[in-house]
């Protein structure tokens, strides 16, 4: 009588190596709270948003943006709030343009969380004449 083999999975064989996709997913999860990762993604989103809206790209470099962020008084509070939420999107720090008809420059941006930024976008869409 032959012995029935159990399927190989993490539960039965914890030494089985992770697949590439799973390793990448775990790395993204670990890195999403890191300052450099977050600021790079924010800057990239600003460039994409500018292109979509037909605005000029941000008037600052990634390094200048990081320096500006570090000078924001509530950056630490927003970062901690995001970490404590477990990475919920609504708590993620975000850059909001004060005047949406103008592109990204240091006089026209402020640091908020994603929920506030999204709320302002919907408010502006309601007030926009057709």
C-alpha atoms as a PDB file:
ATOM      1  CA  UNK A   1       0.000   0.000   0.000  1.00  0.00           C
ATOM      2  CA  UNK A   2       1.508   3.353  -1.005  1.00  0.00           C
ATOM      3  CA  UNK A   3       1.548   6.311   1.332  1.00  0.00           C
ATOM      4  CA  UNK A   4      -0.627   9.280   0.260  1.00  0.00           C
ATOM      5  CA  UNK A   5       1.495  12.373  -0.375  1.00  0.00           C
ATOM      6  CA  UNK A   6       0.381  15.703   1.009  1.00  0.00           C
ATOM      7  CA  UNK A   7       0.485  18.682  -1.361  1.00  0.00           C
ATOM      8  CA  UNK A   8       3.460  20.970  -0.888  1.00  0.00           C
ATOM      9  CA  UNK A   9       2.464  24.282   0.646  1.00  0.00           C
ATOM     10  CA  UNK A  10       3.717  26.669   3.311  1.00  0.00           C
ATOM     11  CA  UNK A  11       1.667  25.034   6.050  1.00  0.00           C
ATOM     12  CA  UNK A  12       3.112  21.549   5.509  1.00  0.00           C
ATOM     13  CA  UNK A  13       6.556  22.596   4.284  1.00  0.00           C
ATOM     14  CA  UNK A  14       7.559  26.024   5.638  1.00  0.00           C
ATOM     15  CA  UNK A  15      10.969  25.785   3.969  1.00  0.00           C
ATOM     16  CA  UNK A  16       9.476  25.934   0.458  1.00  0.00           C
ATOM     17  CA  UNK A  17      10.782  29.170  -1.084  1.00  0.00           C
ATOM     18  CA  UNK A  18       8.352  31.971  -1.830  1.00  0.00           C
ATOM     19  CA  UNK A  19       7.501  32.758  -5.415  1.00  0.00           C
ATOM     20  CA  UNK A  20       8.795  35.943  -7.020  1.00  0.00           C
ATOM     21  CA  UNK A  21       5.398  37.675  -6.874  1.00  0.00           C
ATOM     22  CA  UNK A  22       4.943  36.887  -3.194  1.00  0.00           C
ATOM     23  CA  UNK A  23       8.438  38.186  -2.385  1.00  0.00           C
ATOM     24  CA  UNK A  24       7.701  41.413  -4.276  1.00  0.00           C
ATOM     25  CA  UNK A  25       4.334  41.824  -2.511  1.00  0.00           C
ATOM     26  CA  UNK A  26       5.941  41.425   0.905  1.00  0.00           C
ATOM     27  CA  UNK A  27       8.717  43.884   0.011  1.00  0.00           C
ATOM     28  CA  UNK A  28       6.134  46.484  -1.109  1.00  0.00           C
ATOM     29  CA  UNK A  29       4.238  45.956   2.138  1.00  0.00           C
ATOM     30  CA  UNK A  30       7.406  46.476   4.188  1.00  0.00           C
ATOM     31  CA  UNK A  31       8.547  49.534   2.227  1.00  0.00           C
ATOM     32  CA  UNK A  32       5.271  51.432   1.965  1.00  0.00           C
ATOM     33  CA  UNK A  33       5.850  53.175   5.299  1.00  0.00           C
ATOM     34  CA  UNK A  34       9.391  54.300   4.438  1.00  0.00           C
ATOM     35  CA  UNK A  35       9.867  58.003   3.774  1.00  0.00           C
ATOM     36  CA  UNK A  36      11.865  57.635   0.544  1.00  0.00           C
ATOM     37  CA  UNK A  37       9.409  55.143  -0.955  1.00  0.00           C
ATOM     38  CA  UNK A  38       6.411  57.272  -0.060  1.00  0.00           C
ATOM     39  CA  UNK A  39       7.919  60.523  -1.338  1.00  0.00           C
ATOM     40  CA  UNK A  40       9.004  58.912  -4.611  1.00  0.00           C
ATOM     41  CA  UNK A  41       5.441  57.672  -5.177  1.00  0.00           C
ATOM     42  CA  UNK A  42       3.964  61.075  -4.269  1.00  0.00           C
ATOM     43  CA  UNK A  43       6.309  62.871  -6.658  1.00  0.00           C
ATOM     44  CA  UNK A  44       5.542  60.388  -9.441  1.00  0.00           C
ATOM     45  CA  UNK A  45       1.791  60.919  -8.878  1.00  0.00           C
ATOM     46  CA  UNK A  46       2.283  64.691  -9.125  1.00  0.00           C
ATOM     47  CA  UNK A  47       4.082  64.323 -12.445  1.00  0.00           C
ATOM     48  CA  UNK A  48       1.350  62.036 -13.794  1.00  0.00           C
ATOM     49  CA  UNK A  49      -1.429  64.328 -12.556  1.00  0.00           C
ATOM     50  CA  UNK A  50       0.252  67.339 -14.164  1.00  0.00           C
ATOM     51  CA  UNK A  51       0.493  65.533 -17.487  1.00  0.00           C
ATOM     52  CA  UNK A  52      -3.149  64.363 -17.324  1.00  0.00           C
ATOM     53  CA  UNK A  53      -4.426  67.864 -16.546  1.00  0.00           C
ATOM     54  CA  UNK A  54      -2.248  69.563 -19.145  1.00  0.00           C
ATOM     55  CA  UNK A  55      -0.173  71.422 -16.547  1.00  0.00           C
ATOM     56  CA  UNK A  56       3.571  71.864 -16.448  1.00  0.00           C
ATOM     57  CA  UNK A  57       5.414  69.226 -14.362  1.00  0.00           C
ATOM     58  CA  UNK A  58       6.266  70.149 -10.765  1.00  0.00           C
ATOM     59  CA  UNK A  59       8.620  73.134 -10.505  1.00  0.00           C
ATOM     60  CA  UNK A  60      10.875  71.236  -8.087  1.00  0.00           C
ATOM     61  CA  UNK A  61      13.000  68.108  -8.084  1.00  0.00           C
ATOM     62  CA  UNK A  62      12.404  65.013  -5.959  1.00  0.00           C
ATOM     63  CA  UNK A  63      15.174  66.087  -3.552  1.00  0.00           C
ATOM     64  CA  UNK A  64      13.678  69.583  -3.187  1.00  0.00           C
ATOM     65  CA  UNK A  65      10.270  67.994  -2.586  1.00  0.00           C
ATOM     66  CA  UNK A  66      11.700  65.759   0.145  1.00  0.00           C
ATOM     67  CA  UNK A  67      13.329  68.770   1.807  1.00  0.00           C
ATOM     68  CA  UNK A  68      10.008  70.658   1.676  1.00  0.00           C
ATOM     69  CA  UNK A  69       8.200  67.694   3.238  1.00  0.00           C
ATOM     70  CA  UNK A  70      10.721  67.431   6.072  1.00  0.00           C
ATOM     71  CA  UNK A  71       9.984  71.086   6.925  1.00  0.00           C
ATOM     72  CA  UNK A  72       6.237  70.480   7.226  1.00  0.00           C
ATOM     73  CA  UNK A  73       5.221  70.642  10.913  1.00  0.00           C
ATOM     74  CA  UNK A  74       2.612  67.870  10.750  1.00  0.00           C
ATOM     75  CA  UNK A  75       4.528  65.344   8.597  1.00  0.00           C
ATOM     76  CA  UNK A  76       5.410  63.177  11.591  1.00  0.00           C
ATOM     77  CA  UNK A  77       1.788  63.181  12.792  1.00  0.00           C
ATOM     78  CA  UNK A  78       0.489  62.137   9.348  1.00  0.00           C
ATOM     79  CA  UNK A  79       3.151  59.428   8.968  1.00  0.00           C
ATOM     80  CA  UNK A  80       2.343  57.985  12.412  1.00  0.00           C
ATOM     81  CA  UNK A  81      -1.391  58.108  11.704  1.00  0.00           C
ATOM     82  CA  UNK A  82      -0.796  56.186   8.460  1.00  0.00           C
ATOM     83  CA  UNK A  83       1.347  53.546  10.198  1.00  0.00           C
ATOM     84  CA  UNK A  84      -1.138  53.117  13.056  1.00  0.00           C
ATOM     85  CA  UNK A  85      -3.976  52.602  10.567  1.00  0.00           C
ATOM     86  CA  UNK A  86      -2.074  49.667   9.100  1.00  0.00           C
ATOM     87  CA  UNK A  87      -1.621  51.437   5.801  1.00  0.00           C
ATOM     88  CA  UNK A  88      -5.217  52.436   5.081  1.00  0.00           C
ATOM     89  CA  UNK A  89      -5.307  54.593   1.968  1.00  0.00           C
ATOM     90  CA  UNK A  90      -7.402  57.361   3.581  1.00  0.00           C
ATOM     91  CA  UNK A  91      -4.609  58.048   6.097  1.00  0.00           C
ATOM     92  CA  UNK A  92      -1.748  58.107   3.602  1.00  0.00           C
ATOM     93  CA  UNK A  93       0.014  61.505   3.425  1.00  0.00           C
ATOM     94  CA  UNK A  94      -0.822  63.343   0.216  1.00  0.00           C
ATOM     95  CA  UNK A  95      -0.081  66.662  -1.447  1.00  0.00           C
ATOM     96  CA  UNK A  96      -3.087  68.857  -2.158  1.00  0.00           C
ATOM     97  CA  UNK A  97      -2.995  71.743  -4.607  1.00  0.00           C
ATOM     98  CA  UNK A  98      -4.599  74.845  -3.113  1.00  0.00           C
ATOM     99  CA  UNK A  99      -5.643  76.189  -6.523  1.00  0.00           C
ATOM    100  CA  UNK A 100      -6.390  73.321  -8.895  1.00  0.00           C
ATOM    101  CA  UNK A 101      -6.109  75.526 -11.970  1.00  0.00           C
ATOM    102  CA  UNK A 102      -2.377  75.944 -11.286  1.00  0.00           C
ATOM    103  CA  UNK A 103       0.254  73.218 -11.383  1.00  0.00           C
ATOM    104  CA  UNK A 104       2.481  71.996  -8.568  1.00  0.00           C
ATOM    105  CA  UNK A 105       4.774  74.593  -6.969  1.00  0.00           C
ATOM    106  CA  UNK A 106       5.666  75.163  -3.327  1.00  0.00           C
ATOM    107  CA  UNK A 107       3.325  78.157  -3.026  1.00  0.00           C
ATOM    108  CA  UNK A 108       0.369  76.105  -4.279  1.00  0.00           C
ATOM    109  CA  UNK A 109       0.670  72.849  -2.301  1.00  0.00           C
ATOM    110  CA  UNK A 110      -0.011  71.689   1.213  1.00  0.00           C
ATOM    111  CA  UNK A 111       0.427  68.388   3.024  1.00  0.00           C
ATOM    112  CA  UNK A 112      -2.772  66.574   4.018  1.00  0.00           C
ATOM    113  CA  UNK A 113      -3.930  62.978   4.212  1.00  0.00           C
ATOM    114  CA  UNK A 114      -5.497  61.232   1.238  1.00  0.00           C
ATOM    115  CA  UNK A 115      -9.045  61.511   2.621  1.00  0.00           C
ATOM    116  CA  UNK A 116      -8.845  65.319   2.785  1.00  0.00           C
ATOM    117  CA  UNK A 117      -7.312  65.496  -0.683  1.00  0.00           C
ATOM    118  CA  UNK A 118     -10.063  63.310  -2.149  1.00  0.00           C
ATOM    119  CA  UNK A 119     -12.766  65.345  -0.379  1.00  0.00           C
ATOM    120  CA  UNK A 120     -11.353  68.582  -1.827  1.00  0.00           C
ATOM    121  CA  UNK A 121     -11.278  67.091  -5.319  1.00  0.00           C
ATOM    122  CA  UNK A 122     -14.973  66.139  -5.133  1.00  0.00           C
ATOM    123  CA  UNK A 123     -15.836  69.563  -3.710  1.00  0.00           C
ATOM    124  CA  UNK A 124     -14.024  71.269  -6.571  1.00  0.00           C
ATOM    125  CA  UNK A 125     -15.783  69.040  -9.117  1.00  0.00           C
ATOM    126  CA  UNK A 126     -19.189  70.039  -7.687  1.00  0.00           C
ATOM    127  CA  UNK A 127     -18.358  73.749  -7.872  1.00  0.00           C
ATOM    128  CA  UNK A 128     -16.927  73.541 -11.375  1.00  0.00           C
ATOM    129  CA  UNK A 129     -19.210  75.094 -14.009  1.00  0.00           C
ATOM    130  CA  UNK A 130     -20.048  72.846 -16.961  1.00  0.00           C
END
